[in-house]
Amino acid sequence: MPERKCRTAAPPTVCKRKPVSKPIEKITGSISHPAPTGNQKLRVNSYGVVNIGRTLFSLTMRMGGRDVVAAWDQEGVMFANTEGEIIAEYAWPSEGTGYLGISKSLTRFGR
């Protein structure tokens, strides 16, 4: 790594550059304004729920605190764990729906 002179009082000394660290990825449990299609890593809250747009989607309390990947398109939204196993898959609800329970899921893990 190249060395540079430190900007300190006399006499000048040689400083080594600090390695640049990667920014920490902040993972939340919600997507406020989802694009028409996309995917994002989310953290399930302690009640087993994630929020996309204005709708809460239930993924079971067992998933509480874990990271999941949400992938969505015009048809609906699919949630998978970090190993790629599908946890739940939902069709987009009608406008104004605030909550979808796991029983409304088209596909569920272990079913």
N, C-alpha and C. Protein backbone atom coordinates (compact mmCIF):
# COMPACT_ATOMS: atom_id res chain seq x y z
N MET A 1 0.83 -1.16 0.00
CA MET A 1 0.00 0.00 0.00
C MET A 1 0.88 1.23 0.00
N PRO A 2 0.54 2.25 -0.80
CA PRO A 2 1.41 3.43 -0.85
C PRO A 2 1.36 4.16 0.48
N GLU A 3 2.49 4.76 0.78
CA GLU A 3 2.57 5.53 2.02
C GLU A 3 2.44 7.00 1.70
N ARG A 4 1.98 7.76 2.65
CA ARG A 4 1.84 9.19 2.48
C ARG A 4 2.34 9.89 3.73
N LYS A 5 2.60 11.15 3.59
CA LYS A 5 3.06 11.91 4.75
C LYS A 5 1.85 12.35 5.57
N CYS A 6 1.97 12.20 6.88
CA CYS A 6 0.90 12.62 7.77
C CYS A 6 0.91 14.13 7.91
N ARG A 7 -0.25 14.68 8.08
CA ARG A 7 -0.36 16.12 8.30
C ARG A 7 -0.35 16.38 9.80
N THR A 8 0.80 16.35 10.36
CA THR A 8 0.95 16.62 11.79
C THR A 8 2.00 17.71 11.95
N ALA A 9 2.15 18.13 13.17
CA ALA A 9 3.18 19.13 13.45
C ALA A 9 4.55 18.54 13.11
N ALA A 10 5.54 19.40 12.91
CA ALA A 10 6.89 18.97 12.53
C ALA A 10 7.41 17.95 13.51
N PRO A 11 8.25 17.07 13.20
CA PRO A 11 8.73 16.65 11.90
C PRO A 11 7.70 15.75 11.23
N PRO A 12 7.65 15.76 9.89
CA PRO A 12 6.69 14.91 9.17
C PRO A 12 7.00 13.43 9.39
N THR A 13 5.96 12.66 9.53
CA THR A 13 6.11 11.21 9.71
C THR A 13 5.39 10.50 8.57
N VAL A 14 5.64 9.24 8.43
CA VAL A 14 5.01 8.46 7.37
C VAL A 14 3.81 7.72 7.96
N CYS A 15 2.66 7.86 7.32
CA CYS A 15 1.43 7.20 7.77
C CYS A 15 1.06 6.11 6.77
N LYS A 16 0.46 5.07 7.26
CA LYS A 16 -0.06 4.02 6.40
C LYS A 16 -1.55 4.24 6.26
N ARG A 17 -2.06 3.99 5.07
CA ARG A 17 -3.49 4.16 4.83
C ARG A 17 -4.27 3.04 5.53
N LYS A 18 -5.40 3.43 6.04
CA LYS A 18 -6.28 2.45 6.67
C LYS A 18 -7.03 1.70 5.57
N PRO A 19 -7.21 0.41 5.75
CA PRO A 19 -7.98 -0.32 4.74
C PRO A 19 -9.41 0.19 4.71
N VAL A 20 -9.96 0.29 3.54
CA VAL A 20 -11.33 0.77 3.38
C VAL A 20 -12.27 -0.39 3.68
N SER A 21 -13.19 -0.16 4.60
CA SER A 21 -14.14 -1.22 4.94
C SER A 21 -15.40 -1.06 4.10
N LYS A 22 -16.09 -2.16 3.89
CA LYS A 22 -17.33 -2.13 3.13
C LYS A 22 -18.42 -1.52 4.01
N PRO A 23 -19.34 -0.78 3.41
CA PRO A 23 -20.43 -0.23 4.21
C PRO A 23 -21.30 -1.36 4.75
N ILE A 24 -21.80 -1.18 5.94
CA ILE A 24 -22.64 -2.20 6.57
C ILE A 24 -24.02 -2.15 5.93
N GLU A 25 -24.49 -3.31 5.51
CA GLU A 25 -25.80 -3.40 4.88
C GLU A 25 -26.87 -3.41 5.97
N LYS A 26 -27.74 -2.41 5.96
CA LYS A 26 -28.80 -2.35 6.94
C LYS A 26 -30.01 -3.10 6.41
N ILE A 27 -30.45 -4.09 7.17
CA ILE A 27 -31.57 -4.91 6.75
C ILE A 27 -32.76 -4.56 7.65
N THR A 28 -33.86 -4.17 7.02
CA THR A 28 -35.07 -3.86 7.77
C THR A 28 -36.16 -4.85 7.39
N GLY A 29 -37.29 -4.71 8.03
CA GLY A 29 -38.41 -5.62 7.75
C GLY A 29 -39.47 -5.03 6.86
N SER A 30 -39.11 -3.93 6.15
CA SER A 30 -40.14 -3.32 5.31
C SER A 30 -39.57 -2.71 4.04
N ILE A 31 -40.43 -2.63 3.05
CA ILE A 31 -40.13 -1.96 1.79
C ILE A 31 -41.27 -0.96 1.61
N SER A 32 -40.97 0.32 1.73
CA SER A 32 -42.02 1.34 1.68
C SER A 32 -42.63 1.51 0.30
N HIS A 33 -41.79 1.65 -0.71
CA HIS A 33 -42.26 1.89 -2.07
C HIS A 33 -41.60 0.89 -3.02
N PRO A 34 -42.16 -0.31 -3.13
CA PRO A 34 -41.53 -1.30 -3.99
C PRO A 34 -41.65 -0.94 -5.47
N ALA A 35 -40.62 -1.25 -6.23
CA ALA A 35 -40.65 -1.09 -7.68
C ALA A 35 -41.62 -2.14 -8.24
N PRO A 36 -42.03 -2.01 -9.51
CA PRO A 36 -42.94 -3.01 -10.08
C PRO A 36 -42.42 -4.44 -9.99
N THR A 37 -41.10 -4.62 -10.14
CA THR A 37 -40.49 -5.94 -9.94
C THR A 37 -39.19 -5.73 -9.18
N GLY A 38 -38.75 -6.77 -8.48
CA GLY A 38 -37.49 -6.66 -7.77
C GLY A 38 -37.34 -7.71 -6.69
N ASN A 39 -36.27 -7.59 -5.93
CA ASN A 39 -36.04 -8.47 -4.78
C ASN A 39 -35.22 -7.72 -3.76
N GLN A 40 -35.36 -8.11 -2.50
CA GLN A 40 -34.64 -7.46 -1.42
C GLN A 40 -34.61 -8.37 -0.21
N LYS A 41 -33.53 -8.28 0.54
CA LYS A 41 -33.41 -9.04 1.78
C LYS A 41 -34.13 -8.26 2.87
N LEU A 42 -34.95 -8.97 3.65
CA LEU A 42 -35.71 -8.38 4.73
C LEU A 42 -35.49 -9.15 6.02
N ARG A 43 -35.67 -8.48 7.16
CA ARG A 43 -35.61 -9.16 8.45
C ARG A 43 -37.04 -9.28 8.98
N VAL A 44 -37.44 -10.50 9.30
CA VAL A 44 -38.79 -10.77 9.80
C VAL A 44 -38.87 -10.27 11.24
N ASN A 45 -39.96 -9.55 11.59
CA ASN A 45 -40.06 -9.05 12.97
C ASN A 45 -40.42 -10.19 13.92
N SER A 46 -40.46 -9.90 15.21
CA SER A 46 -40.65 -10.95 16.21
C SER A 46 -42.02 -11.63 16.12
N TYR A 47 -42.97 -11.01 15.44
CA TYR A 47 -44.29 -11.61 15.24
C TYR A 47 -44.35 -12.45 13.96
N GLY A 48 -43.27 -12.52 13.22
CA GLY A 48 -43.23 -13.31 12.00
C GLY A 48 -43.82 -12.60 10.80
N VAL A 49 -43.69 -11.26 10.77
CA VAL A 49 -44.34 -10.45 9.75
C VAL A 49 -43.32 -9.55 9.06
N VAL A 50 -43.52 -9.32 7.74
CA VAL A 50 -42.76 -8.32 6.99
C VAL A 50 -43.76 -7.38 6.32
N ASN A 51 -43.29 -6.20 5.93
CA ASN A 51 -44.16 -5.18 5.38
C ASN A 51 -43.68 -4.79 3.99
N ILE A 52 -44.56 -4.90 3.01
CA ILE A 52 -44.26 -4.44 1.66
C ILE A 52 -45.38 -3.49 1.25
N GLY A 53 -45.00 -2.28 0.91
CA GLY A 53 -46.00 -1.27 0.61
C GLY A 53 -46.77 -0.96 1.88
N ARG A 54 -48.06 -1.12 1.83
CA ARG A 54 -48.90 -0.89 3.01
C ARG A 54 -49.53 -2.18 3.52
N THR A 55 -48.96 -3.31 3.14
CA THR A 55 -49.52 -4.61 3.52
C THR A 55 -48.51 -5.39 4.35
N LEU A 56 -49.00 -5.99 5.43
CA LEU A 56 -48.19 -6.88 6.26
C LEU A 56 -48.41 -8.31 5.78
N PHE A 57 -47.33 -9.05 5.60
CA PHE A 57 -47.39 -10.44 5.16
C PHE A 57 -46.88 -11.33 6.28
N SER A 58 -47.67 -12.31 6.68
CA SER A 58 -47.28 -13.23 7.74
C SER A 58 -46.41 -14.36 7.18
N LEU A 59 -45.31 -14.63 7.89
CA LEU A 59 -44.42 -15.73 7.50
C LEU A 59 -44.25 -16.74 8.63
N THR A 60 -45.06 -16.72 9.62
CA THR A 60 -45.06 -17.53 10.84
C THR A 60 -44.07 -17.00 11.87
N MET A 61 -44.43 -17.17 13.13
CA MET A 61 -43.60 -16.66 14.23
C MET A 61 -42.25 -17.38 14.31
N ARG A 62 -42.18 -18.59 13.79
CA ARG A 62 -40.89 -19.31 13.78
C ARG A 62 -39.82 -18.56 13.00
N MET A 63 -40.23 -17.75 12.03
CA MET A 63 -39.28 -17.00 11.21
C MET A 63 -38.87 -15.69 11.88
N GLY A 64 -39.43 -15.35 13.00
CA GLY A 64 -39.13 -14.10 13.69
C GLY A 64 -37.64 -13.90 13.90
N GLY A 65 -37.13 -12.73 13.52
CA GLY A 65 -35.72 -12.39 13.69
C GLY A 65 -34.81 -12.91 12.60
N ARG A 66 -35.31 -13.70 11.68
CA ARG A 66 -34.47 -14.25 10.61
C ARG A 66 -34.52 -13.36 9.37
N ASP A 67 -33.54 -13.54 8.52
CA ASP A 67 -33.51 -12.81 7.25
C ASP A 67 -34.17 -13.67 6.17
N VAL A 68 -34.95 -13.01 5.33
CA VAL A 68 -35.58 -13.68 4.19
C VAL A 68 -35.33 -12.82 2.96
N VAL A 69 -35.53 -13.44 1.80
CA VAL A 69 -35.43 -12.71 0.54
C VAL A 69 -36.84 -12.61 -0.03
N ALA A 70 -37.27 -11.39 -0.29
CA ALA A 70 -38.57 -11.15 -0.92
C ALA A 70 -38.33 -10.87 -2.40
N ALA A 71 -39.05 -11.54 -3.25
CA ALA A 71 -38.98 -11.31 -4.71
C ALA A 71 -40.41 -11.09 -5.19
N TRP A 72 -40.61 -10.03 -5.95
CA TRP A 72 -41.96 -9.71 -6.37
C TRP A 72 -42.00 -9.30 -7.84
N ASP A 73 -43.18 -9.45 -8.41
CA ASP A 73 -43.43 -9.02 -9.79
C ASP A 73 -44.89 -8.57 -9.85
N GLN A 74 -45.44 -8.45 -11.05
CA GLN A 74 -46.82 -7.99 -11.22
C GLN A 74 -47.84 -8.97 -10.65
N GLU A 75 -47.49 -10.26 -10.61
CA GLU A 75 -48.42 -11.30 -10.16
C GLU A 75 -48.51 -11.40 -8.64
N GLY A 76 -47.38 -11.28 -7.96
CA GLY A 76 -47.39 -11.45 -6.51
C GLY A 76 -46.00 -11.35 -5.91
N VAL A 77 -45.88 -11.85 -4.68
CA VAL A 77 -44.62 -11.78 -3.95
C VAL A 77 -44.29 -13.16 -3.38
N MET A 78 -43.02 -13.51 -3.40
CA MET A 78 -42.55 -14.79 -2.89
C MET A 78 -41.47 -14.52 -1.86
N PHE A 79 -41.50 -15.26 -0.76
CA PHE A 79 -40.51 -15.14 0.31
C PHE A 79 -39.74 -16.44 0.42
N ALA A 80 -38.42 -16.34 0.48
CA ALA A 80 -37.56 -17.52 0.62
C ALA A 80 -36.55 -17.26 1.72
N ASN A 81 -36.08 -18.33 2.37
CA ASN A 81 -35.02 -18.14 3.36
C ASN A 81 -33.70 -17.93 2.64
N THR A 82 -32.64 -17.68 3.37
CA THR A 82 -31.36 -17.37 2.74
C THR A 82 -30.73 -18.58 2.04
N GLU A 83 -31.27 -19.78 2.27
CA GLU A 83 -30.79 -20.97 1.57
C GLU A 83 -31.57 -21.21 0.28
N GLY A 84 -32.60 -20.39 0.04
CA GLY A 84 -33.37 -20.52 -1.19
C GLY A 84 -34.66 -21.31 -1.08
N GLU A 85 -35.00 -21.83 0.10
CA GLU A 85 -36.24 -22.57 0.27
C GLU A 85 -37.41 -21.59 0.34
N ILE A 86 -38.45 -21.85 -0.43
CA ILE A 86 -39.62 -20.97 -0.44
C ILE A 86 -40.38 -21.14 0.87
N ILE A 87 -40.63 -20.00 1.52
CA ILE A 87 -41.37 -20.00 2.78
C ILE A 87 -42.86 -19.75 2.51
N ALA A 88 -43.15 -18.75 1.71
CA ALA A 88 -44.54 -18.43 1.38
C ALA A 88 -44.58 -17.67 0.07
N GLU A 89 -45.73 -17.78 -0.60
CA GLU A 89 -45.93 -17.09 -1.85
C GLU A 89 -47.35 -16.54 -1.84
N TYR A 90 -47.48 -15.25 -2.14
CA TYR A 90 -48.77 -14.59 -2.10
C TYR A 90 -49.07 -13.91 -3.43
N ALA A 91 -50.34 -13.90 -3.82
CA ALA A 91 -50.79 -13.05 -4.92
C ALA A 91 -50.96 -11.66 -4.31
N TRP A 92 -50.80 -10.60 -5.12
CA TRP A 92 -50.98 -9.25 -4.58
C TRP A 92 -52.41 -9.09 -4.10
N PRO A 93 -52.59 -8.56 -2.91
CA PRO A 93 -53.95 -8.36 -2.39
C PRO A 93 -54.63 -7.17 -3.06
N SER A 94 -55.93 -7.07 -2.88
CA SER A 94 -56.65 -5.92 -3.41
C SER A 94 -56.22 -4.66 -2.66
N GLU A 95 -56.39 -3.51 -3.31
CA GLU A 95 -55.99 -2.23 -2.74
C GLU A 95 -56.65 -2.02 -1.37
N GLY A 96 -55.86 -1.59 -0.42
CA GLY A 96 -56.39 -1.31 0.92
C GLY A 96 -56.26 -2.46 1.90
N THR A 97 -55.81 -3.64 1.44
CA THR A 97 -55.62 -4.78 2.35
C THR A 97 -54.42 -4.50 3.23
N GLY A 98 -54.61 -4.59 4.54
CA GLY A 98 -53.53 -4.27 5.48
C GLY A 98 -52.75 -5.48 5.96
N TYR A 99 -53.33 -6.69 5.90
CA TYR A 99 -52.66 -7.87 6.45
C TYR A 99 -53.08 -9.11 5.68
N LEU A 100 -52.11 -9.95 5.40
CA LEU A 100 -52.39 -11.27 4.82
C LEU A 100 -51.78 -12.33 5.73
N GLY A 101 -52.63 -13.18 6.28
CA GLY A 101 -52.15 -14.26 7.13
C GLY A 101 -51.56 -15.38 6.30
N ILE A 102 -50.82 -16.24 6.96
CA ILE A 102 -50.14 -17.35 6.28
C ILE A 102 -51.17 -18.28 5.62
N SER A 103 -52.40 -18.31 6.13
CA SER A 103 -53.42 -19.18 5.53
C SER A 103 -53.82 -18.71 4.12
N LYS A 104 -53.55 -17.47 3.78
CA LYS A 104 -53.86 -16.93 2.45
C LYS A 104 -52.71 -17.16 1.46
N SER A 105 -51.64 -17.75 1.92
CA SER A 105 -50.48 -18.01 1.08
C SER A 105 -50.80 -19.07 0.02
N LEU A 106 -50.33 -18.84 -1.20
CA LEU A 106 -50.52 -19.83 -2.27
C LEU A 106 -49.65 -21.05 -2.04
N THR A 107 -48.45 -20.84 -1.53
CA THR A 107 -47.49 -21.88 -1.23
C THR A 107 -46.94 -21.64 0.15
N ARG A 108 -46.73 -22.71 0.92
CA ARG A 108 -46.14 -22.58 2.25
C ARG A 108 -45.06 -23.62 2.43
N PHE A 109 -44.03 -23.25 3.18
CA PHE A 109 -42.96 -24.18 3.48
C PHE A 109 -43.54 -25.37 4.26
N GLY A 110 -43.22 -26.56 3.86
CA GLY A 110 -43.65 -27.76 4.57
C GLY A 110 -45.07 -28.18 4.25
N ARG A 111 -45.68 -27.56 3.25
CA ARG A 111 -47.04 -27.96 2.89
C ARG A 111 -47.06 -28.55 1.52
